[in-house]
C-alpha atoms as a PDB file:
ATOM      1  CA  MET A   1      -1.288 -10.248  24.690  1.00  0.00           C
ATOM      2  CA  GLY A   2       0.842 -11.499  27.538  1.00  0.00           C
ATOM      3  CA  THR A   3       3.885 -11.462  25.253  1.00  0.00           C
ATOM      4  CA  ARG A   4       4.867  -8.385  23.274  1.00  0.00           C
ATOM      5  CA  ALA A   5       7.434  -7.863  20.534  1.00  0.00           C
ATOM      6  CA  THR A   6       9.943  -5.038  20.758  1.00  0.00           C
ATOM      7  CA  ALA A   7      12.569  -3.796  18.333  1.00  0.00           C
ATOM      8  CA  GLY A   8      15.178  -6.497  17.817  1.00  0.00           C
ATOM      9  CA  THR A   9      12.941  -9.405  18.824  1.00  0.00           C
ATOM     10  CA  CYS A  10      14.419 -12.564  17.285  1.00  0.00           C
ATOM     11  CA  LEU A  11      12.682 -14.424  14.488  1.00  0.00           C
ATOM     12  CA  GLU A  12      11.947 -17.509  16.585  1.00  0.00           C
ATOM     13  CA  ALA A  13      10.163 -15.406  19.219  1.00  0.00           C
ATOM     14  CA  LEU A  14       8.043 -13.662  16.570  1.00  0.00           C
ATOM     15  CA  VAL A  15       7.029 -17.024  15.097  1.00  0.00           C
ATOM     16  CA  LYS A  16       6.021 -18.341  18.524  1.00  0.00           C
ATOM     17  CA  MET A  17       3.881 -15.247  19.068  1.00  0.00           C
ATOM     18  CA  ALA A  18       2.226 -15.472  15.631  1.00  0.00           C
ATOM     19  CA  VAL A  19       1.355 -19.181  15.672  1.00  0.00           C
ATOM     20  CA  PRO A  20      -1.544 -18.984  18.212  1.00  0.00           C
ATOM     21  CA  LEU A  21      -3.149 -16.090  16.312  1.00  0.00           C
ATOM     22  CA  LEU A  22      -2.842 -17.850  12.954  1.00  0.00           C
ATOM     23  CA  ARG A  23      -4.162 -21.106  14.408  1.00  0.00           C
ATOM     24  CA  GLU A  24      -7.197 -19.293  15.823  1.00  0.00           C
ATOM     25  CA  ALA A  25      -7.705 -17.454  12.534  1.00  0.00           C
ATOM     26  CA  GLU A  26      -7.761 -20.789  10.686  1.00  0.00           C
ATOM     27  CA  ARG A  27     -10.205 -22.215  13.220  1.00  0.00           C
ATOM     28  CA  ARG A  28     -12.581 -19.312  12.588  1.00  0.00           C
ATOM     29  CA  GLY A  29     -12.379 -19.726   8.833  1.00  0.00           C
ATOM     30  CA  PRO A  30     -12.361 -23.486   8.289  1.00  0.00           C
ATOM     31  CA  ARG A  31     -12.225 -25.087   4.892  1.00  0.00           C
ATOM     32  CA  THR A  32     -15.549 -26.197   3.454  1.00  0.00           C
ATOM     33  CA  GLY A  33     -16.554 -28.538   0.682  1.00  0.00           C
ATOM     34  CA  PRO A  34     -15.538 -32.082  -0.263  1.00  0.00           C
ATOM     35  CA  GLY A  35     -12.083 -33.530   0.045  1.00  0.00           C
ATOM     36  CA  ALA A  36      -9.756 -34.524   2.823  1.00  0.00           C
ATOM     37  CA  LYS A  37      -8.230 -31.969   5.145  1.00  0.00           C
ATOM     38  CA  PRO A  38      -4.780 -30.948   3.818  1.00  0.00           C
ATOM     39  CA  VAL A  39      -1.723 -32.335   5.557  1.00  0.00           C
ATOM     40  CA  ILE A  40      -0.118 -28.881   5.666  1.00  0.00           C
ATOM     41  CA  PRO A  41      -2.399 -26.531   7.650  1.00  0.00           C
ATOM     42  CA  ASP A  42      -3.151 -23.031   6.415  1.00  0.00           C
ATOM     43  CA  TRP A  43      -1.656 -21.459   9.539  1.00  0.00           C
ATOM     44  CA  LEU A  44       1.759 -22.923   8.647  1.00  0.00           C
ATOM     45  CA  ILE A  45       1.566 -21.436   5.153  1.00  0.00           C
ATOM     46  CA  GLY A  46       0.890 -18.116   6.889  1.00  0.00           C
ATOM     47  CA  VAL A  47       3.922 -18.532   9.146  1.00  0.00           C
ATOM     48  CA  LEU A  48       6.191 -19.243   6.175  1.00  0.00           C
ATOM     49  CA  ILE A  49       4.923 -16.183   4.308  1.00  0.00           C
ATOM     50  CA  MET A  50       5.402 -14.015   7.396  1.00  0.00           C
ATOM     51  CA  VAL A  51       8.965 -15.272   7.839  1.00  0.00           C
ATOM     52  CA  GLY A  52       9.735 -14.686   4.161  1.00  0.00           C
ATOM     53  CA  VAL A  53       8.449 -11.112   4.332  1.00  0.00           C
ATOM     54  CA  LEU A  54      10.401 -10.386   7.523  1.00  0.00           C
ATOM     55  CA  LYS A  55      13.505 -11.706   5.795  1.00  0.00           C
ATOM     56  CA  ARG A  56      12.811  -9.363   2.848  1.00  0.00           C
ATOM     57  CA  ARG A  57      12.222 -12.169   0.347  1.00  0.00           C
ATOM     58  CA  LYS A  58      10.039 -10.375  -2.196  1.00  0.00           C
ATOM     59  CA  SER A  59       8.859 -13.285  -4.342  1.00  0.00           C
ATOM     60  CA  LYS A  60       7.221 -16.621  -3.637  1.00  0.00           C
ATOM     61  CA  SER A  61      10.255 -18.368  -5.109  1.00  0.00           C
ATOM     62  CA  ALA A  62      12.645 -16.489  -2.811  1.00  0.00           C
ATOM     63  CA  GLN A  63      10.488 -17.232   0.225  1.00  0.00           C
ATOM     64  CA  CYS A  64      10.322 -20.897  -0.730  1.00  0.00           C
ATOM     65  CA  ARG A  65      14.092 -21.087  -1.099  1.00  0.00           C
ATOM     66  CA  PHE A  66      14.537 -19.547   2.343  1.00  0.00           C
ATOM     67  CA  PHE A  67      12.459 -22.100   4.238  1.00  0.00           C
ATOM     68  CA  SER A  68      13.839 -24.929   2.087  1.00  0.00           C
ATOM     69  CA  ASP A  69      17.324 -24.292   3.486  1.00  0.00           C
ATOM     70  CA  PRO A  70      17.944 -27.020   6.121  1.00  0.00           C
ATOM     71  CA  GLY A  71      19.166 -24.597   8.781  1.00  0.00           C
ATOM     72  CA  ASN A  72      16.295 -22.167   8.324  1.00  0.00           C
ATOM     73  CA  ARG A  73      13.787 -24.999   8.187  1.00  0.00           C
ATOM     74  CA  GLN A  74      14.988 -26.371  11.525  1.00  0.00           C
ATOM     75  CA  ARG A  75      14.706 -22.961  13.193  1.00  0.00           C
ATOM     76  CA  ILE A  76      11.167 -22.446  11.887  1.00  0.00           C
ATOM     77  CA  ALA A  77      10.113 -25.996  12.779  1.00  0.00           C
ATOM     78  CA  GLU A  78      11.295 -25.634  16.366  1.00  0.00           C
ATOM     79  CA  ALA A  79       9.627 -22.231  16.807  1.00  0.00           C
ATOM     80  CA  ALA A  80       6.339 -23.214  15.142  1.00  0.00           C
ATOM     81  CA  GLY A  81       6.167 -26.727  16.565  1.00  0.00           C
ATOM     82  CA  CYS A  82       5.803 -28.445  13.192  1.00  0.00           C
ATOM     83  CA  ASP A  83       7.648 -31.211  11.378  1.00  0.00           C
ATOM     84  CA  ALA A  84       6.138 -31.126   7.868  1.00  0.00           C
ATOM     85  CA  PHE A  85       6.680 -28.409   5.272  1.00  0.00           C
ATOM     86  CA  PRO A  86       4.876 -27.762   1.965  1.00  0.00           C
ATOM     87  CA  SER A  87       6.418 -28.547  -1.396  1.00  0.00           C
ATOM     88  CA  ARG A  88       7.082 -25.661  -3.761  1.00  0.00           C
ATOM     89  CA  SER A  89       3.911 -26.377  -5.762  1.00  0.00           C
ATOM     90  CA  THR A  90       1.760 -26.580  -2.617  1.00  0.00           C
ATOM     91  CA  PHE A  91       3.193 -23.313  -1.285  1.00  0.00           C
ATOM     92  CA  PHE A  92       2.510 -21.522  -4.573  1.00  0.00           C
ATOM     93  CA  ARG A  93      -0.991 -22.977  -4.967  1.00  0.00           C
ATOM     94  CA  ARG A  94      -2.169 -22.006  -1.490  1.00  0.00           C
ATOM     95  CA  TYR A  95      -0.399 -18.656  -1.230  1.00  0.00           C
ATOM     96  CA  LYS A  96      -3.477 -16.539  -2.007  1.00  0.00           C
ATOM     97  CA  ARG A  97      -5.553 -18.248   0.647  1.00  0.00           C
ATOM     98  CA  ALA A  98      -3.294 -16.763   3.324  1.00  0.00           C
ATOM     99  CA  GLN A  99      -4.718 -13.275   2.803  1.00  0.00           C
ATOM    100  CA  ALA A 100      -7.983 -14.173   4.546  1.00  0.00           C
ATOM    101  CA  LEU A 101      -5.996 -15.823   7.332  1.00  0.00           C
ATOM    102  CA  PHE A 102      -3.906 -12.689   7.930  1.00  0.00           C
ATOM    103  CA  ARG A 103      -6.960 -10.426   7.877  1.00  0.00           C
ATOM    104  CA  THR A 104      -8.568 -12.465  10.629  1.00  0.00           C
ATOM    105  CA  ALA A 105      -5.345 -12.741  12.651  1.00  0.00           C
ATOM    106  CA  ILE A 106      -4.794  -8.965  12.542  1.00  0.00           C
ATOM    107  CA  ARG A 107      -8.381  -8.373  13.678  1.00  0.00           C
ATOM    108  CA  LEU A 108      -7.961 -10.847  16.550  1.00  0.00           C
ATOM    109  CA  GLN A 109      -4.704  -9.180  17.570  1.00  0.00           C
ATOM    110  CA  GLY A 110      -6.442  -5.804  17.609  1.00  0.00           C
ATOM    111  CA  GLU A 111      -9.298  -7.131  19.730  1.00  0.00           C
ATOM    112  CA  LYS A 112      -6.827  -8.571  22.222  1.00  0.00           C
ATOM    113  CA  ALA A 113      -4.944  -5.272  22.429  1.00  0.00           C
ATOM    114  CA  ILE A 114      -8.168  -3.372  23.113  1.00  0.00           C
ATOM    115  CA  ALA A 115      -9.320  -5.875  25.729  1.00  0.00           C
ATOM    116  CA  ALA A 116      -5.920  -5.664  27.449  1.00  0.00           C
ATOM    117  CA  GLY A 117      -6.073  -1.866  27.530  1.00  0.00           C
ATOM    118  CA  LEU A 118      -3.039  -1.498  25.277  1.00  0.00           C
ATOM    119  CA  ALA A 119      -4.921   0.352  22.535  1.00  0.00           C
ATOM    120  CA  ASP A 120      -7.760   2.893  22.662  1.00  0.00           C
ATOM    121  CA  PRO A 121     -10.171   2.553  19.695  1.00  0.00           C
ATOM    122  CA  GLU A 122     -12.243   5.683  20.389  1.00  0.00           C
ATOM    123  CA  VAL A 123     -10.642   7.358  17.350  1.00  0.00           C
ATOM    124  CA  VAL A 124      -9.280   5.329  14.443  1.00  0.00           C
ATOM    125  CA  ALA A 125      -7.663   6.271  11.143  1.00  0.00           C
ATOM    126  CA  ALA A 126      -7.901   4.407   7.844  1.00  0.00           C
ATOM    127  CA  ASP A 127      -5.692   4.784   4.792  1.00  0.00           C
ATOM    128  CA  LYS A 128      -4.860   2.987   1.563  1.00  0.00           C
ATOM    129  CA  SER A 129      -1.332   2.749   0.141  1.00  0.00           C
ATOM    130  CA  LEU A 130      -0.106   1.592  -3.255  1.00  0.00           C
ATOM    131  CA  ILE A 131       2.760  -0.809  -3.942  1.00  0.00           C
ATOM    132  CA  ALA A 132       4.320  -1.042  -7.398  1.00  0.00           C
ATOM    133  CA  ALA A 133       4.362  -4.487  -8.974  1.00  0.00           C
ATOM    134  CA  ARG A 134       7.639  -6.070  -9.968  1.00  0.00           C
ATOM    135  CA  GLY A 135       8.425  -6.304 -13.649  1.00  0.00           C
ATOM    136  CA  PRO A 136       7.706  -3.987 -16.603  1.00  0.00           C
ATOM    137  CA  LEU A 137       4.705  -1.690 -17.007  1.00  0.00           C
ATOM    138  CA  TRP A 138       1.746  -3.115 -18.908  1.00  0.00           C
ATOM    139  CA  HIS A 139      -0.189  -0.137 -20.197  1.00  0.00           C
ATOM    140  CA  LYS A 140      -3.974   0.130 -20.134  1.00  0.00           C
ATOM    141  CA  ARG A 141      -4.609  -0.200 -23.850  1.00  0.00           C
ATOM    142  CA  ASP A 142      -2.554  -3.401 -24.140  1.00  0.00           C
ATOM    143  CA  ARG A 143      -4.040  -4.735 -20.895  1.00  0.00           C
ATOM    144  CA  GLN A 144      -7.610  -4.250 -22.107  1.00  0.00           C
ATOM    145  CA  ALA A 145      -6.773  -6.018 -25.350  1.00  0.00           C
ATOM    146  CA  GLY A 146      -5.063  -8.862 -23.484  1.00  0.00           C
ATOM    147  CA  ARG A 147      -1.964  -8.148 -25.541  1.00  0.00           C
ATOM    148  CA  ILE A 148       1.612  -8.161 -24.272  1.00  0.00           C
ATOM    149  CA  PRO A 149       3.912  -6.162 -26.578  1.00  0.00           C
ATOM    150  CA  LYS A 150       6.788  -8.000 -28.188  1.00  0.00           C
ATOM    151  CA  GLY A 151       9.886  -7.949 -26.010  1.00  0.00           C
ATOM    152  CA  LEU A 152       7.975  -7.272 -22.787  1.00  0.00           C
ATOM    153  CA  HIS A 153       8.825 -10.101 -20.386  1.00  0.00           C
ATOM    154  CA  GLY A 154       7.879 -10.825 -16.781  1.00  0.00           C
ATOM    155  CA  VAL A 155       4.624  -8.858 -16.801  1.00  0.00           C
ATOM    156  CA  ASP A 156       2.580  -9.157 -13.613  1.00  0.00           C
ATOM    157  CA  ARG A 157      -0.814  -9.984 -15.123  1.00  0.00           C
ATOM    158  CA  GLU A 158      -2.624  -9.853 -11.778  1.00  0.00           C
ATOM    159  CA  SER A 159      -1.625  -6.277 -10.978  1.00  0.00           C
ATOM    160  CA  THR A 160      -3.813  -3.305 -11.933  1.00  0.00           C
ATOM    161  CA  TRP A 161      -3.393   0.459 -12.247  1.00  0.00           C
ATOM    162  CA  GLY A 162      -4.358   2.742  -9.383  1.00  0.00           C
ATOM    163  CA  CYS A 163      -3.849   6.415  -8.570  1.00  0.00           C
ATOM    164  CA  SER A 164      -3.365   8.363  -5.361  1.00  0.00           C
ATOM    165  CA  GLN A 165      -2.482  11.963  -4.589  1.00  0.00           C
ATOM    166  CA  HIS A 166       0.706  10.808  -2.881  1.00  0.00           C
ATOM    167  CA  ASP A 167       1.949   8.198  -5.367  1.00  0.00           C
ATOM    168  CA  GLY A 168       0.364   9.247  -8.643  1.00  0.00           C
ATOM    169  CA  TRP A 169      -0.353   6.412 -11.085  1.00  0.00           C
ATOM    170  CA  VAL A 170       1.003   3.033  -9.959  1.00  0.00           C
ATOM    171  CA  GLN A 171       0.741  -0.406 -11.551  1.00  0.00           C
ATOM    172  CA  GLY A 172       0.567  -2.902  -8.746  1.00  0.00           C
ATOM    173  CA  TYR A 173      -1.294  -3.594  -5.548  1.00  0.00           C
ATOM    174  CA  SER A 174      -2.762  -1.818  -2.545  1.00  0.00           C
ATOM    175  CA  PHE A 175      -3.207  -2.371   1.149  1.00  0.00           C
ATOM    176  CA  GLU A 176      -5.522  -0.659   3.590  1.00  0.00           C
ATOM    177  CA  VAL A 177      -4.936  -0.429   7.336  1.00  0.00           C
ATOM    178  CA  VAL A 178      -7.145   0.805  10.167  1.00  0.00           C
ATOM    179  CA  VAL A 179      -5.160   1.896  13.241  1.00  0.00           C
ATOM    180  CA  THR A 180      -5.951   3.503  16.578  1.00  0.00           C
ATOM    181  CA  ALA A 181      -5.544   7.303  16.519  1.00  0.00           C
ATOM    182  CA  THR A 182      -6.863   8.382  19.913  1.00  0.00           C
ATOM    183  CA  ALA A 183      -4.841  11.235  21.414  1.00  0.00           C
ATOM    184  CA  GLY A 184      -2.361   9.903  23.967  1.00  0.00           C
ATOM    185  CA  SER A 185      -2.787   6.269  22.858  1.00  0.00           C
ATOM    186  CA  ILE A 186      -0.292   4.154  20.934  1.00  0.00           C
ATOM    187  CA  VAL A 187      -0.899   3.600  17.227  1.00  0.00           C
ATOM    188  CA  PHE A 188      -2.012  -0.022  16.936  1.00  0.00           C
ATOM    189  CA  PRO A 189      -3.239  -1.900  13.824  1.00  0.00           C
ATOM    190  CA  LEU A 190      -6.806  -3.133  14.183  1.00  0.00           C
ATOM    191  CA  LEU A 191      -7.837  -4.172  10.669  1.00  0.00           C
ATOM    192  CA  ALA A 192      -6.055  -4.635   7.353  1.00  0.00           C
ATOM    193  CA  SER A 193      -6.583  -5.951   3.851  1.00  0.00           C
ATOM    194  CA  ALA A 194      -4.747  -6.221   0.528  1.00  0.00           C
ATOM    195  CA  ASP A 195      -6.032  -5.902  -3.035  1.00  0.00           C
ATOM    196  CA  THR A 196      -5.013  -4.728  -6.468  1.00  0.00           C
ATOM    197  CA  ALA A 197      -4.143  -1.058  -6.998  1.00  0.00           C
ATOM    198  CA  SER A 198      -7.505  -0.282  -8.610  1.00  0.00           C
ATOM    199  CA  ALA A 199      -9.491  -1.297  -5.509  1.00  0.00           C
ATOM    200  CA  LYS A 200     -11.698   1.561  -4.272  1.00  0.00           C
ATOM    201  CA  GLU A 201     -11.269   2.887  -0.735  1.00  0.00           C
ATOM    202  CA  THR A 202     -15.026   3.248  -0.331  1.00  0.00           C
ATOM    203  CA  GLN A 203     -15.597  -0.449  -0.950  1.00  0.00           C
ATOM    204  CA  ALA A 204     -12.562  -1.723   0.999  1.00  0.00           C
ATOM    205  CA  PHE A 205     -13.447   0.296   4.092  1.00  0.00           C
ATOM    206  CA  ARG A 206     -17.183  -0.438   3.885  1.00  0.00           C
ATOM    207  CA  GLU A 207     -16.354  -4.112   4.433  1.00  0.00           C
ATOM    208  CA  LYS A 208     -14.498  -3.221   7.653  1.00  0.00           C
ATOM    209  CA  ILE A 209     -17.150  -1.073   9.313  1.00  0.00           C
ATOM    210  CA  ALA A 210     -18.912  -3.979  11.025  1.00  0.00           C
ATOM    211  CA  ALA A 211     -15.599  -5.081  12.568  1.00  0.00           C
ATOM    212  CA  LEU A 212     -14.893  -1.720  14.222  1.00  0.00           C
ATOM    213  CA  SER A 213     -15.024  -1.628  18.004  1.00  0.00           C
ATOM    214  CA  ASP A 214     -18.287  -0.591  19.655  1.00  0.00           C
ATOM    215  CA  ASN A 215     -16.181   2.075  21.402  1.00  0.00           C
ATOM    216  CA  THR A 216     -15.124   3.716  18.127  1.00  0.00           C
ATOM    217  CA  HIS A 217     -16.714   7.175  17.854  1.00  0.00           C
ATOM    218  CA  CYS A 218     -14.654   8.852  15.141  1.00  0.00           C
ATOM    219  CA  VAL A 219     -12.954   7.658  11.940  1.00  0.00           C
ATOM    220  CA  LEU A 220     -10.270   9.781  10.273  1.00  0.00           C
ATOM    221  CA  VAL A 221      -9.830   9.382   6.490  1.00  0.00           C
ATOM    222  CA  ASP A 222      -8.630  11.447   3.542  1.00  0.00           C
ATOM    223  CA  SER A 223     -10.579  12.690   0.535  1.00  0.00           C
ATOM    224  CA  GLY A 224     -10.203   9.341  -1.221  1.00  0.00           C
ATOM    225  CA  TYR A 225     -12.945   8.021   1.052  1.00  0.00           C
END
């Protein structure tokens, strides 16, 4: 954690800071099974997704178009230290695999912050938030029947319905974050995950318990847990 980002940090600097974490995350979760190692490493896919999100590109296509631009590609290549980029089909095919990479990278970042004394994990807070999917609503009855009504185009088939006291019913996805909440300490993300909107808080958080710091004594959650 020798380098820290502040408001206004340029994109190139953020990429340079993220690359070591993503590389280490890939090393800790290596590919298994037959077949040759891919030419494009998983950590680079993660960098491209991160850049796309920071640039507010909300779809895989928009993110792909951004890093396909010659000027943007050169900036990313110089910051990440790479000279090969994925094709559109490769980027789309391996997009989902990046979730595990980000989960590990966020955990590693949290561990580094604790070790450096930047964050105090004695008290942590966990919460789940819902994000609406893009496209039209696909109601439960039609979803269960596998039927898309006539005239309904662009349905996100991977999204699900979820409900929260804050958002009500939402068709889409969810993310859960565990942050430090010790009085007098900064709020720092320690663990995170993403899922569909129907994912249960009890299950999502149960999978994170083993990764909590040994110094964590109290966990703050709402009634959903």
